Amino acid sequence: LSTQFRTRSKFLSIWPAVRYVAVHRDADGNLDGALLVSAPVNWQIDYVVVRPDRRGRGIASALVKAALTQAYLTGVPYVMLTSKESLRPLYE
């Protein structure tokens, strides 16, 4: 998954603000997707990353649902996600 971040510095720059991490593992326990949320009160979903060979299997959707469920359970008042127009159907 580390190859999905354009630069290591980009990942490290948001890490101090990360408040929630969701991960998805395959049947063998290998990490095949991750989601990072930042912001202390209202949540911003910053990254949804899925291994290229695992895309199209509902992993990103499962990660977003897990984050929304956690936000609801912890009383987060607002969750925001911005993405490319081409990815909009995934998040809707």
N, C-alpha and C. Protein backbone atom coordinates (compact mmCIF):
# COMPACT_ATOMS: atom_id res chain seq x y z
N LEU A 1 0.81 -1.21 0.00
CA LEU A 1 0.00 0.00 0.00
C LEU A 1 0.84 1.25 0.00
N SER A 2 2.05 1.15 0.54
CA SER A 2 2.89 2.35 0.58
C SER A 2 3.17 2.90 -0.81
N THR A 3 3.11 2.08 -1.84
CA THR A 3 3.35 2.56 -3.20
C THR A 3 2.19 3.39 -3.73
N GLN A 4 1.03 3.34 -3.08
CA GLN A 4 -0.13 4.09 -3.53
C GLN A 4 -0.06 5.56 -3.15
N PHE A 5 0.82 5.90 -2.22
CA PHE A 5 1.03 7.30 -1.87
C PHE A 5 2.10 7.86 -2.79
N ARG A 6 1.83 9.00 -3.39
CA ARG A 6 2.76 9.57 -4.37
C ARG A 6 4.14 9.80 -3.76
N THR A 7 4.15 10.26 -2.53
CA THR A 7 5.43 10.46 -1.85
C THR A 7 5.25 10.08 -0.38
N ARG A 8 6.32 9.62 0.20
CA ARG A 8 6.29 9.29 1.62
C ARG A 8 6.02 10.55 2.44
N SER A 9 6.53 11.68 1.99
CA SER A 9 6.35 12.92 2.74
C SER A 9 4.88 13.34 2.78
N LYS A 10 4.13 13.06 1.71
CA LYS A 10 2.69 13.38 1.70
C LYS A 10 1.97 12.59 2.78
N PHE A 11 2.27 11.30 2.87
CA PHE A 11 1.67 10.46 3.90
C PHE A 11 2.06 10.97 5.29
N LEU A 12 3.34 11.22 5.50
CA LEU A 12 3.80 11.67 6.81
C LEU A 12 3.25 13.04 7.19
N SER A 13 2.96 13.88 6.20
CA SER A 13 2.44 15.21 6.51
C SER A 13 1.04 15.15 7.10
N ILE A 14 0.23 14.17 6.71
CA ILE A 14 -1.11 14.08 7.29
C ILE A 14 -1.16 13.21 8.54
N TRP A 15 -0.16 12.37 8.74
CA TRP A 15 -0.21 11.40 9.84
C TRP A 15 -0.48 12.03 11.21
N PRO A 16 0.11 13.18 11.57
CA PRO A 16 -0.18 13.76 12.89
C PRO A 16 -1.67 14.09 13.10
N ALA A 17 -2.41 14.32 12.03
CA ALA A 17 -3.83 14.65 12.15
C ALA A 17 -4.75 13.44 12.05
N VAL A 18 -4.20 12.26 11.78
CA VAL A 18 -5.02 11.06 11.61
C VAL A 18 -5.65 10.67 12.95
N ARG A 19 -6.98 10.46 12.90
CA ARG A 19 -7.74 10.11 14.11
C ARG A 19 -8.35 8.72 14.04
N TYR A 20 -8.40 8.15 12.84
CA TYR A 20 -9.00 6.83 12.67
C TYR A 20 -8.38 6.17 11.45
N VAL A 21 -8.10 4.89 11.56
CA VAL A 21 -7.57 4.10 10.45
C VAL A 21 -8.42 2.85 10.33
N ALA A 22 -8.91 2.59 9.12
CA ALA A 22 -9.62 1.34 8.85
C ALA A 22 -8.74 0.54 7.89
N VAL A 23 -8.64 -0.75 8.13
CA VAL A 23 -7.86 -1.61 7.25
C VAL A 23 -8.73 -2.78 6.80
N HIS A 24 -8.40 -3.31 5.64
CA HIS A 24 -9.06 -4.49 5.12
C HIS A 24 -7.97 -5.51 4.79
N ARG A 25 -8.20 -6.74 5.21
CA ARG A 25 -7.21 -7.80 4.97
C ARG A 25 -7.85 -8.92 4.19
N ASP A 26 -7.03 -9.59 3.38
CA ASP A 26 -7.54 -10.74 2.64
C ASP A 26 -7.60 -11.96 3.56
N ALA A 27 -8.01 -13.09 3.03
CA ALA A 27 -8.18 -14.30 3.83
C ALA A 27 -6.89 -14.76 4.49
N ASP A 28 -5.75 -14.40 3.92
CA ASP A 28 -4.46 -14.78 4.49
C ASP A 28 -3.91 -13.75 5.47
N GLY A 29 -4.66 -12.68 5.70
CA GLY A 29 -4.23 -11.64 6.63
C GLY A 29 -3.39 -10.55 6.02
N ASN A 30 -3.21 -10.58 4.70
CA ASN A 30 -2.42 -9.54 4.03
C ASN A 30 -3.26 -8.28 3.86
N LEU A 31 -2.65 -7.15 4.11
CA LEU A 31 -3.32 -5.87 3.97
C LEU A 31 -3.60 -5.60 2.50
N ASP A 32 -4.89 -5.39 2.16
CA ASP A 32 -5.21 -5.07 0.77
C ASP A 32 -5.94 -3.75 0.61
N GLY A 33 -6.21 -3.04 1.70
CA GLY A 33 -6.82 -1.74 1.62
C GLY A 33 -6.74 -1.00 2.95
N ALA A 34 -6.75 0.33 2.88
CA ALA A 34 -6.71 1.15 4.09
C ALA A 34 -7.41 2.47 3.83
N LEU A 35 -7.88 3.06 4.90
CA LEU A 35 -8.56 4.36 4.87
C LEU A 35 -8.05 5.17 6.04
N LEU A 36 -7.74 6.45 5.80
CA LEU A 36 -7.27 7.34 6.86
C LEU A 36 -8.24 8.50 7.02
N VAL A 37 -8.55 8.82 8.27
CA VAL A 37 -9.43 9.94 8.61
C VAL A 37 -8.63 10.92 9.46
N SER A 38 -8.75 12.20 9.13
CA SER A 38 -8.10 13.23 9.94
C SER A 38 -9.15 14.19 10.49
N ALA A 39 -8.71 15.05 11.35
CA ALA A 39 -9.49 16.11 12.00
C ALA A 39 -9.96 15.65 13.38
N PRO A 40 -9.92 16.55 14.34
CA PRO A 40 -10.26 16.17 15.71
C PRO A 40 -11.75 16.01 16.00
N VAL A 41 -12.62 16.78 15.40
CA VAL A 41 -14.05 16.73 15.72
C VAL A 41 -14.82 16.22 14.51
N ASN A 42 -14.90 17.03 13.48
CA ASN A 42 -15.50 16.59 12.21
C ASN A 42 -14.45 15.79 11.46
N TRP A 43 -14.86 14.72 10.83
CA TRP A 43 -13.90 13.85 10.16
C TRP A 43 -13.77 14.17 8.68
N GLN A 44 -12.54 14.13 8.19
CA GLN A 44 -12.21 14.26 6.77
C GLN A 44 -11.58 12.93 6.35
N ILE A 45 -12.23 12.21 5.44
CA ILE A 45 -11.62 11.00 4.92
C ILE A 45 -10.57 11.45 3.91
N ASP A 46 -9.30 11.23 4.27
CA ASP A 46 -8.20 11.74 3.46
C ASP A 46 -7.73 10.76 2.40
N TYR A 47 -7.66 9.50 2.73
CA TYR A 47 -7.17 8.52 1.79
C TYR A 47 -7.98 7.24 1.87
N VAL A 48 -8.33 6.73 0.71
CA VAL A 48 -8.87 5.38 0.59
C VAL A 48 -7.96 4.72 -0.44
N VAL A 49 -7.20 3.74 0.00
CA VAL A 49 -6.20 3.10 -0.85
C VAL A 49 -6.48 1.60 -0.90
N VAL A 50 -6.55 1.06 -2.10
CA VAL A 50 -6.75 -0.38 -2.30
C VAL A 50 -5.68 -0.87 -3.28
N ARG A 51 -5.10 -2.02 -2.96
CA ARG A 51 -4.10 -2.60 -3.87
C ARG A 51 -4.71 -2.76 -5.26
N PRO A 52 -3.97 -2.41 -6.29
CA PRO A 52 -4.52 -2.49 -7.65
C PRO A 52 -5.08 -3.87 -8.02
N ASP A 53 -4.44 -4.93 -7.56
CA ASP A 53 -4.92 -6.26 -7.91
C ASP A 53 -6.15 -6.69 -7.10
N ARG A 54 -6.60 -5.86 -6.17
CA ARG A 54 -7.78 -6.16 -5.35
C ARG A 54 -8.95 -5.22 -5.63
N ARG A 55 -8.78 -4.30 -6.55
CA ARG A 55 -9.84 -3.33 -6.86
C ARG A 55 -11.03 -4.02 -7.52
N GLY A 56 -12.20 -3.40 -7.35
CA GLY A 56 -13.41 -3.93 -7.95
C GLY A 56 -14.07 -5.03 -7.13
N ARG A 57 -13.65 -5.19 -5.89
CA ARG A 57 -14.19 -6.24 -5.02
C ARG A 57 -14.97 -5.68 -3.82
N GLY A 58 -15.23 -4.38 -3.83
CA GLY A 58 -15.99 -3.77 -2.74
C GLY A 58 -15.18 -3.40 -1.52
N ILE A 59 -13.87 -3.44 -1.62
CA ILE A 59 -13.01 -3.14 -0.47
C ILE A 59 -13.11 -1.67 -0.08
N ALA A 60 -13.03 -0.77 -1.04
CA ALA A 60 -13.13 0.67 -0.73
C ALA A 60 -14.47 0.98 -0.10
N SER A 61 -15.53 0.42 -0.63
CA SER A 61 -16.87 0.63 -0.06
C SER A 61 -16.93 0.13 1.38
N ALA A 62 -16.36 -1.03 1.62
CA ALA A 62 -16.35 -1.59 2.98
C ALA A 62 -15.57 -0.69 3.94
N LEU A 63 -14.47 -0.12 3.47
CA LEU A 63 -13.68 0.78 4.31
C LEU A 63 -14.46 2.05 4.64
N VAL A 64 -15.13 2.61 3.65
CA VAL A 64 -15.92 3.83 3.89
C VAL A 64 -17.06 3.52 4.85
N LYS A 65 -17.74 2.40 4.67
CA LYS A 65 -18.83 2.02 5.57
C LYS A 65 -18.31 1.84 7.00
N ALA A 66 -17.14 1.23 7.15
CA ALA A 66 -16.56 1.06 8.49
C ALA A 66 -16.27 2.40 9.13
N ALA A 67 -15.75 3.35 8.36
CA ALA A 67 -15.47 4.68 8.90
C ALA A 67 -16.75 5.40 9.29
N LEU A 68 -17.78 5.31 8.45
CA LEU A 68 -19.05 5.96 8.78
C LEU A 68 -19.70 5.34 10.00
N THR A 69 -19.61 4.04 10.13
CA THR A 69 -20.15 3.37 11.32
C THR A 69 -19.42 3.83 12.57
N GLN A 70 -18.09 3.90 12.50
CA GLN A 70 -17.31 4.35 13.66
C GLN A 70 -17.63 5.80 13.99
N ALA A 71 -17.78 6.63 12.97
CA ALA A 71 -18.14 8.04 13.20
C ALA A 71 -19.48 8.13 13.92
N TYR A 72 -20.43 7.35 13.49
CA TYR A 72 -21.76 7.34 14.13
C TYR A 72 -21.66 6.87 15.58
N LEU A 73 -20.92 5.80 15.81
CA LEU A 73 -20.81 5.24 17.16
C LEU A 73 -20.10 6.17 18.13
N THR A 74 -19.21 7.00 17.61
CA THR A 74 -18.47 7.91 18.48
C THR A 74 -19.04 9.33 18.49
N GLY A 75 -20.15 9.53 17.79
CA GLY A 75 -20.82 10.83 17.83
C GLY A 75 -20.18 11.92 17.00
N VAL A 76 -19.47 11.55 15.95
CA VAL A 76 -18.87 12.55 15.07
C VAL A 76 -19.99 13.30 14.36
N PRO A 77 -20.02 14.63 14.46
CA PRO A 77 -21.14 15.38 13.89
C PRO A 77 -21.15 15.47 12.36
N TYR A 78 -19.98 15.35 11.73
CA TYR A 78 -19.91 15.59 10.29
C TYR A 78 -18.75 14.80 9.71
N VAL A 79 -18.98 14.13 8.59
CA VAL A 79 -17.92 13.42 7.88
C VAL A 79 -17.86 13.96 6.46
N MET A 80 -16.66 14.30 6.00
CA MET A 80 -16.49 14.85 4.67
C MET A 80 -15.50 13.99 3.89
N LEU A 81 -15.81 13.81 2.61
CA LEU A 81 -14.93 13.09 1.71
C LEU A 81 -14.95 13.82 0.37
N THR A 82 -13.80 14.15 -0.14
CA THR A 82 -13.72 14.75 -1.47
C THR A 82 -12.94 13.79 -2.36
N SER A 83 -13.30 13.76 -3.63
CA SER A 83 -12.61 12.84 -4.55
C SER A 83 -12.69 13.36 -5.97
N LYS A 84 -12.02 12.65 -6.83
CA LYS A 84 -12.12 12.93 -8.26
C LYS A 84 -13.54 12.62 -8.71
N GLU A 85 -13.99 13.33 -9.72
CA GLU A 85 -15.34 13.11 -10.27
C GLU A 85 -15.54 11.66 -10.69
N SER A 86 -14.52 11.04 -11.23
CA SER A 86 -14.64 9.67 -11.71
C SER A 86 -14.88 8.66 -10.60
N LEU A 87 -14.52 9.02 -9.36
CA LEU A 87 -14.72 8.12 -8.22
C LEU A 87 -16.02 8.36 -7.48
N ARG A 88 -16.75 9.37 -7.89
CA ARG A 88 -17.98 9.73 -7.18
C ARG A 88 -18.97 8.57 -7.01
N PRO A 89 -19.23 7.77 -8.04
CA PRO A 89 -20.17 6.65 -7.87
C PRO A 89 -19.77 5.68 -6.75
N LEU A 90 -18.47 5.49 -6.57
CA LEU A 90 -18.00 4.60 -5.51
C LEU A 90 -18.45 5.10 -4.14
N TYR A 91 -18.32 6.40 -3.92
CA TYR A 91 -18.62 6.95 -2.61
C TYR A 91 -20.10 7.23 -2.40
N GLU A 92 -20.85 7.39 -3.47
CA GLU A 92 -22.28 7.60 -3.31
C GLU A 92 -22.93 6.34 -2.84
